[in-house]
PDB file of N, CA and C in Angstrom:
ATOM      1  N   UNK A   1      40.600 161.305 157.339  1.00  0.00           N
ATOM      2  CA  UNK A   1      40.995 162.624 157.176  1.00  0.00           C
ATOM      3  C   UNK A   1      41.336 162.853 155.748  1.00  0.00           C
ATOM      4  N   UNK A   2      40.563 163.580 155.007  1.00  0.00           N
ATOM      5  CA  UNK A   2      40.739 163.767 153.574  1.00  0.00           C
ATOM      6  C   UNK A   2      41.738 164.888 153.249  1.00  0.00           C
ATOM      7  N   UNK A   3      41.885 165.744 154.133  1.00  0.00           N
ATOM      8  CA  UNK A   3      42.739 166.965 153.890  1.00  0.00           C
ATOM      9  C   UNK A   3      44.253 166.495 153.854  1.00  0.00           C
ATOM     10  N   UNK A   4      44.548 165.345 154.334  1.00  0.00           N
ATOM     11  CA  UNK A   4      46.001 164.900 154.296  1.00  0.00           C
ATOM     12  C   UNK A   4      46.275 164.002 153.060  1.00  0.00           C
ATOM     13  N   UNK A   5      45.196 163.725 152.243  1.00  0.00           N
ATOM     14  CA  UNK A   5      45.402 162.920 151.096  1.00  0.00           C
ATOM     15  C   UNK A   5      46.063 163.775 149.991  1.00  0.00           C
ATOM     16  N   UNK A   6      46.978 163.086 149.272  1.00  0.00           N
ATOM     17  CA  UNK A   6      47.581 163.845 148.152  1.00  0.00           C
ATOM     18  C   UNK A   6      46.573 163.876 146.958  1.00  0.00           C
ATOM     19  N   UNK A   7      46.718 164.961 146.199  1.00  0.00           N
ATOM     20  CA  UNK A   7      45.834 165.028 144.975  1.00  0.00           C
ATOM     21  C   UNK A   7      46.646 164.646 143.745  1.00  0.00           C
ATOM     22  N   UNK A   8      46.169 163.663 143.021  1.00  0.00           N
ATOM     23  CA  UNK A   8      46.902 163.173 141.834  1.00  0.00           C
ATOM     24  C   UNK A   8      47.112 164.236 140.812  1.00  0.00           C
ATOM     25  N   UNK A   9      46.236 165.242 140.807  1.00  0.00           N
ATOM     26  CA  UNK A   9      46.409 166.313 139.881  1.00  0.00           C
ATOM     27  C   UNK A   9      47.686 167.188 140.182  1.00  0.00           C
ATOM     28  N   UNK A  10      48.220 167.062 141.378  1.00  0.00           N
ATOM     29  CA  UNK A  10      49.384 167.886 141.795  1.00  0.00           C
ATOM     30  C   UNK A  10      50.696 167.015 141.604  1.00  0.00           C
ATOM     31  N   UNK A  11      50.548 165.801 141.192  1.00  0.00           N
ATOM     32  CA  UNK A  11      51.710 164.938 141.014  1.00  0.00           C
ATOM     33  C   UNK A  11      52.381 165.225 139.681  1.00  0.00           C
ATOM     34  N   UNK A  12      53.665 165.486 139.703  1.00  0.00           N
ATOM     35  CA  UNK A  12      54.486 165.857 138.518  1.00  0.00           C
ATOM     36  C   UNK A  12      55.688 165.026 138.522  1.00  0.00           C
ATOM     37  N   UNK A  13      55.856 164.038 137.678  1.00  0.00           N
ATOM     38  CA  UNK A  13      57.001 163.230 137.651  1.00  0.00           C
ATOM     39  C   UNK A  13      57.756 163.558 136.335  1.00  0.00           C
ATOM     40  N   UNK A  14      59.136 163.686 136.596  1.00  0.00           N
ATOM     41  CA  UNK A  14      60.005 163.994 135.488  1.00  0.00           C
ATOM     42  C   UNK A  14      60.085 162.748 134.519  1.00  0.00           C
ATOM     43  N   UNK A  15      59.672 162.877 133.310  1.00  0.00           N
ATOM     44  CA  UNK A  15      59.651 161.737 132.360  1.00  0.00           C
ATOM     45  C   UNK A  15      61.099 161.389 131.911  1.00  0.00           C
ATOM     46  N   UNK A  16      62.064 162.216 132.241  1.00  0.00           N
ATOM     47  CA  UNK A  16      63.436 161.812 131.892  1.00  0.00           C
ATOM     48  C   UNK A  16      64.045 160.792 132.814  1.00  0.00           C
ATOM     49  N   UNK A  17      63.435 160.632 133.919  1.00  0.00           N
ATOM     50  CA  UNK A  17      63.903 159.646 134.850  1.00  0.00           C
ATOM     51  C   UNK A  17      63.653 158.225 134.277  1.00  0.00           C
ATOM     52  N   UNK A  18      64.448 157.215 134.719  1.00  0.00           N
ATOM     53  CA  UNK A  18      64.187 155.912 134.300  1.00  0.00           C
ATOM     54  C   UNK A  18      62.899 155.384 134.949  1.00  0.00           C
ATOM     55  N   UNK A  19      62.442 154.259 134.531  1.00  0.00           N
ATOM     56  CA  UNK A  19      61.182 153.763 134.976  1.00  0.00           C
ATOM     57  C   UNK A  19      61.129 153.588 136.441  1.00  0.00           C
ATOM     58  N   UNK A  20      62.150 152.942 137.067  1.00  0.00           N
ATOM     59  CA  UNK A  20      62.120 152.725 138.499  1.00  0.00           C
ATOM     60  C   UNK A  20      62.146 154.005 139.305  1.00  0.00           C
ATOM     61  N   UNK A  21      62.894 154.992 138.797  1.00  0.00           N
ATOM     62  CA  UNK A  21      62.924 156.246 139.470  1.00  0.00           C
ATOM     63  C   UNK A  21      61.596 157.050 139.294  1.00  0.00           C
ATOM     64  N   UNK A  22      60.974 156.876 138.208  1.00  0.00           N
ATOM     65  CA  UNK A  22      59.630 157.497 138.083  1.00  0.00           C
ATOM     66  C   UNK A  22      58.612 156.929 139.014  1.00  0.00           C
ATOM     67  N   UNK A  23      58.690 155.639 139.165  1.00  0.00           N
ATOM     68  CA  UNK A  23      57.767 154.938 140.134  1.00  0.00           C
ATOM     69  C   UNK A  23      57.989 155.454 141.541  1.00  0.00           C
ATOM     70  N   UNK A  24      59.284 155.509 141.933  1.00  0.00           N
ATOM     71  CA  UNK A  24      59.665 155.956 143.249  1.00  0.00           C
ATOM     72  C   UNK A  24      59.175 157.376 143.425  1.00  0.00           C
ATOM     73  N   UNK A  25      59.348 158.272 142.488  1.00  0.00           N
ATOM     74  CA  UNK A  25      58.931 159.614 142.598  1.00  0.00           C
ATOM     75  C   UNK A  25      57.399 159.720 142.627  1.00  0.00           C
ATOM     76  N   UNK A  26      56.731 158.961 141.882  1.00  0.00           N
ATOM     77  CA  UNK A  26      55.217 158.960 141.934  1.00  0.00           C
ATOM     78  C   UNK A  26      54.832 158.529 143.389  1.00  0.00           C
ATOM     79  N   UNK A  27      55.296 157.497 143.923  1.00  0.00           N
ATOM     80  CA  UNK A  27      54.964 157.003 145.202  1.00  0.00           C
ATOM     81  C   UNK A  27      55.355 158.098 146.276  1.00  0.00           C
ATOM     82  N   UNK A  28      56.485 158.680 146.164  1.00  0.00           N
ATOM     83  CA  UNK A  28      56.880 159.753 147.113  1.00  0.00           C
ATOM     84  C   UNK A  28      55.831 160.904 147.147  1.00  0.00           C
ATOM     85  N   UNK A  29      55.401 161.279 145.949  1.00  0.00           N
ATOM     86  CA  UNK A  29      54.452 162.349 145.882  1.00  0.00           C
ATOM     87  C   UNK A  29      53.031 161.991 146.219  1.00  0.00           C
ATOM     88  N   UNK A  30      52.540 160.831 145.818  1.00  0.00           N
ATOM     89  CA  UNK A  30      51.147 160.433 146.082  1.00  0.00           C
ATOM     90  C   UNK A  30      51.040 159.859 147.480  1.00  0.00           C
ATOM     91  N   UNK A  31      52.079 159.457 148.112  1.00  0.00           N
ATOM     92  CA  UNK A  31      52.182 158.905 149.469  1.00  0.00           C
ATOM     93  C   UNK A  31      51.527 157.547 149.571  1.00  0.00           C
ATOM     94  N   UNK A  32      50.232 157.477 149.275  1.00  0.00           N
ATOM     95  CA  UNK A  32      49.465 156.145 149.338  1.00  0.00           C
ATOM     96  C   UNK A  32      48.819 155.941 147.983  1.00  0.00           C
ATOM     97  N   UNK A  33      49.344 155.027 147.140  1.00  0.00           N
ATOM     98  CA  UNK A  33      48.762 154.838 145.797  1.00  0.00           C
ATOM     99  C   UNK A  33      47.394 154.105 145.884  1.00  0.00           C
ATOM    100  N   UNK A  34      47.026 153.651 147.055  1.00  0.00           N
ATOM    101  CA  UNK A  34      45.732 152.996 147.217  1.00  0.00           C
ATOM    102  C   UNK A  34      44.633 153.949 147.760  1.00  0.00           C
ATOM    103  N   UNK A  35      45.020 155.150 148.080  1.00  0.00           N
ATOM    104  CA  UNK A  35      44.095 156.111 148.640  1.00  0.00           C
ATOM    105  C   UNK A  35      44.558 157.541 148.420  1.00  0.00           C
ATOM    106  N   UNK A  36      43.893 158.324 147.535  1.00  0.00           N
ATOM    107  CA  UNK A  36      44.418 159.583 147.222  1.00  0.00           C
ATOM    108  C   UNK A  36      43.188 160.359 146.682  1.00  0.00           C
ATOM    109  N   UNK A  37      43.305 161.663 146.421  1.00  0.00           N
ATOM    110  CA  UNK A  37      42.236 162.425 145.842  1.00  0.00           C
ATOM    111  C   UNK A  37      42.481 162.729 144.402  1.00  0.00           C
ATOM    112  N   UNK A  38      41.410 162.920 143.593  1.00  0.00           N
ATOM    113  CA  UNK A  38      41.457 163.471 142.255  1.00  0.00           C
ATOM    114  C   UNK A  38      40.421 164.611 142.261  1.00  0.00           C
ATOM    115  N   UNK A  39      40.947 165.792 142.671  1.00  0.00           N
ATOM    116  CA  UNK A  39      40.079 166.964 142.865  1.00  0.00           C
ATOM    117  C   UNK A  39      39.308 166.781 144.151  1.00  0.00           C
ATOM    118  N   UNK A  40      38.006 166.810 144.130  1.00  0.00           N
ATOM    119  CA  UNK A  40      37.155 166.658 145.291  1.00  0.00           C
ATOM    120  C   UNK A  40      36.779 165.171 145.440  1.00  0.00           C
ATOM    121  N   UNK A  41      37.183 164.248 144.630  1.00  0.00           N
ATOM    122  CA  UNK A  41      36.821 162.849 144.739  1.00  0.00           C
ATOM    123  C   UNK A  41      37.951 162.085 145.412  1.00  0.00           C
ATOM    124  N   UNK A  42      37.533 161.203 146.326  1.00  0.00           N
ATOM    125  CA  UNK A  42      38.539 160.347 146.975  1.00  0.00           C
ATOM    126  C   UNK A  42      38.542 159.011 146.249  1.00  0.00           C
ATOM    127  N   UNK A  43      39.751 158.616 145.876  1.00  0.00           N
ATOM    128  CA  UNK A  43      39.937 157.314 145.120  1.00  0.00           C
ATOM    129  C   UNK A  43      40.474 156.351 146.124  1.00  0.00           C
ATOM    130  N   UNK A  44      39.828 155.193 146.222  1.00  0.00           N
ATOM    131  CA  UNK A  44      40.346 154.185 147.171  1.00  0.00           C
ATOM    132  C   UNK A  44      40.349 152.878 146.475  1.00  0.00           C
ATOM    133  N   UNK A  45      41.505 152.171 146.455  1.00  0.00           N
ATOM    134  CA  UNK A  45      41.545 150.798 145.821  1.00  0.00           C
ATOM    135  C   UNK A  45      41.619 149.740 146.926  1.00  0.00           C
ATOM    136  N   UNK A  46      40.833 148.721 146.662  1.00  0.00           N
ATOM    137  CA  UNK A  46      40.907 147.580 147.608  1.00  0.00           C
ATOM    138  C   UNK A  46      40.885 146.275 146.741  1.00  0.00           C
ATOM    139  N   UNK A  47      41.432 145.243 147.382  1.00  0.00           N
ATOM    140  CA  UNK A  47      41.531 143.977 146.642  1.00  0.00           C
ATOM    141  C   UNK A  47      40.883 142.950 147.518  1.00  0.00           C
ATOM    142  N   UNK A  48      40.058 142.004 146.864  1.00  0.00           N
ATOM    143  CA  UNK A  48      39.322 141.074 147.583  1.00  0.00           C
ATOM    144  C   UNK A  48      39.986 139.651 147.376  1.00  0.00           C
ATOM    145  N   UNK A  49      39.638 138.789 148.213  1.00  0.00           N
ATOM    146  CA  UNK A  49      40.280 137.453 148.232  1.00  0.00           C
ATOM    147  C   UNK A  49      39.505 136.533 147.118  1.00  0.00           C
ATOM    148  N   UNK A  50      38.368 136.969 146.664  1.00  0.00           N
ATOM    149  CA  UNK A  50      37.673 136.176 145.720  1.00  0.00           C
ATOM    150  C   UNK A  50      38.213 136.300 144.241  1.00  0.00           C
ATOM    151  N   UNK A  51      39.083 137.185 144.002  1.00  0.00           N
ATOM    152  CA  UNK A  51      39.780 137.256 142.702  1.00  0.00           C
ATOM    153  C   UNK A  51      38.986 137.979 141.675  1.00  0.00           C
ATOM    154  N   UNK A  52      37.915 138.688 141.957  1.00  0.00           N
ATOM    155  CA  UNK A  52      37.197 139.453 140.969  1.00  0.00           C
ATOM    156  C   UNK A  52      38.019 140.530 140.371  1.00  0.00           C
ATOM    157  N   UNK A  53      37.966 140.792 139.149  1.00  0.00           N
ATOM    158  CA  UNK A  53      38.736 141.792 138.483  1.00  0.00           C
ATOM    159  C   UNK A  53      37.961 143.069 138.592  1.00  0.00           C
ATOM    160  N   UNK A  54      38.648 144.226 138.516  1.00  0.00           N
ATOM    161  CA  UNK A  54      38.141 145.608 138.579  1.00  0.00           C
ATOM    162  C   UNK A  54      37.023 145.807 137.511  1.00  0.00           C
ATOM    163  N   UNK A  55      37.308 145.275 136.338  1.00  0.00           N
ATOM    164  CA  UNK A  55      36.368 145.337 135.223  1.00  0.00           C
ATOM    165  C   UNK A  55      35.030 144.689 135.595  1.00  0.00           C
ATOM    166  N   UNK A  56      35.181 143.491 136.201  1.00  0.00           N
ATOM    167  CA  UNK A  56      33.931 142.749 136.664  1.00  0.00           C
ATOM    168  C   UNK A  56      33.136 143.579 137.619  1.00  0.00           C
ATOM    169  N   UNK A  57      33.819 144.111 138.585  1.00  0.00           N
ATOM    170  CA  UNK A  57      33.157 145.032 139.637  1.00  0.00           C
ATOM    171  C   UNK A  57      32.414 146.141 138.940  1.00  0.00           C
ATOM    172  N   UNK A  58      33.147 146.866 138.052  1.00  0.00           N
ATOM    173  CA  UNK A  58      32.458 147.965 137.398  1.00  0.00           C
ATOM    174  C   UNK A  58      31.243 147.564 136.562  1.00  0.00           C
ATOM    175  N   UNK A  59      31.290 146.491 135.925  1.00  0.00           N
ATOM    176  CA  UNK A  59      30.208 145.871 135.172  1.00  0.00           C
ATOM    177  C   UNK A  59      29.046 145.621 136.127  1.00  0.00           C
ATOM    178  N   UNK A  60      29.348 145.120 137.214  1.00  0.00           N
ATOM    179  CA  UNK A  60      28.178 144.876 138.214  1.00  0.00           C
ATOM    180  C   UNK A  60      27.632 146.136 138.765  1.00  0.00           C
ATOM    181  N   UNK A  61      28.407 147.145 138.977  1.00  0.00           N
ATOM    182  CA  UNK A  61      27.925 148.389 139.436  1.00  0.00           C
ATOM    183  C   UNK A  61      26.959 149.020 138.418  1.00  0.00           C
ATOM    184  N   UNK A  62      27.425 149.025 137.121  1.00  0.00           N
ATOM    185  CA  UNK A  62      26.652 149.643 136.091  1.00  0.00           C
ATOM    186  C   UNK A  62      25.373 148.830 135.781  1.00  0.00           C
ATOM    187  N   UNK A  63      25.396 147.551 136.004  1.00  0.00           N
ATOM    188  CA  UNK A  63      24.169 146.723 135.805  1.00  0.00           C
ATOM    189  C   UNK A  63      23.131 147.110 136.837  1.00  0.00           C
ATOM    190  N   UNK A  64      23.574 147.482 138.039  1.00  0.00           N
ATOM    191  CA  UNK A  64      22.629 147.678 139.162  1.00  0.00           C
ATOM    192  C   UNK A  64      22.223 149.137 139.285  1.00  0.00           C
ATOM    193  N   UNK A  65      22.691 149.979 138.459  1.00  0.00           N
ATOM    194  CA  UNK A  65      22.254 151.460 138.470  1.00  0.00           C
ATOM    195  C   UNK A  65      20.873 151.472 137.744  1.00  0.00           C
ATOM    196  N   UNK A  66      19.883 152.049 138.498  1.00  0.00           N
ATOM    197  CA  UNK A  66      18.576 152.205 137.893  1.00  0.00           C
ATOM    198  C   UNK A  66      18.169 153.550 137.745  1.00  0.00           C
TER     199      UNK A  66
END
């Protein structure tokens, strides 16, 4: 259900808060930092047991685009 996902464009964190409070406020607003929207795009983060880094995954994706 994508209509329940928070849009990161709507997140507004007070920069005057200390780091820990800013993190708490971001999590409160975004609800799920591993799955949210950016406009019409759904952003979903997953981690694998094989230890590949995000950069390696992106490089593999770009190599396979034809």
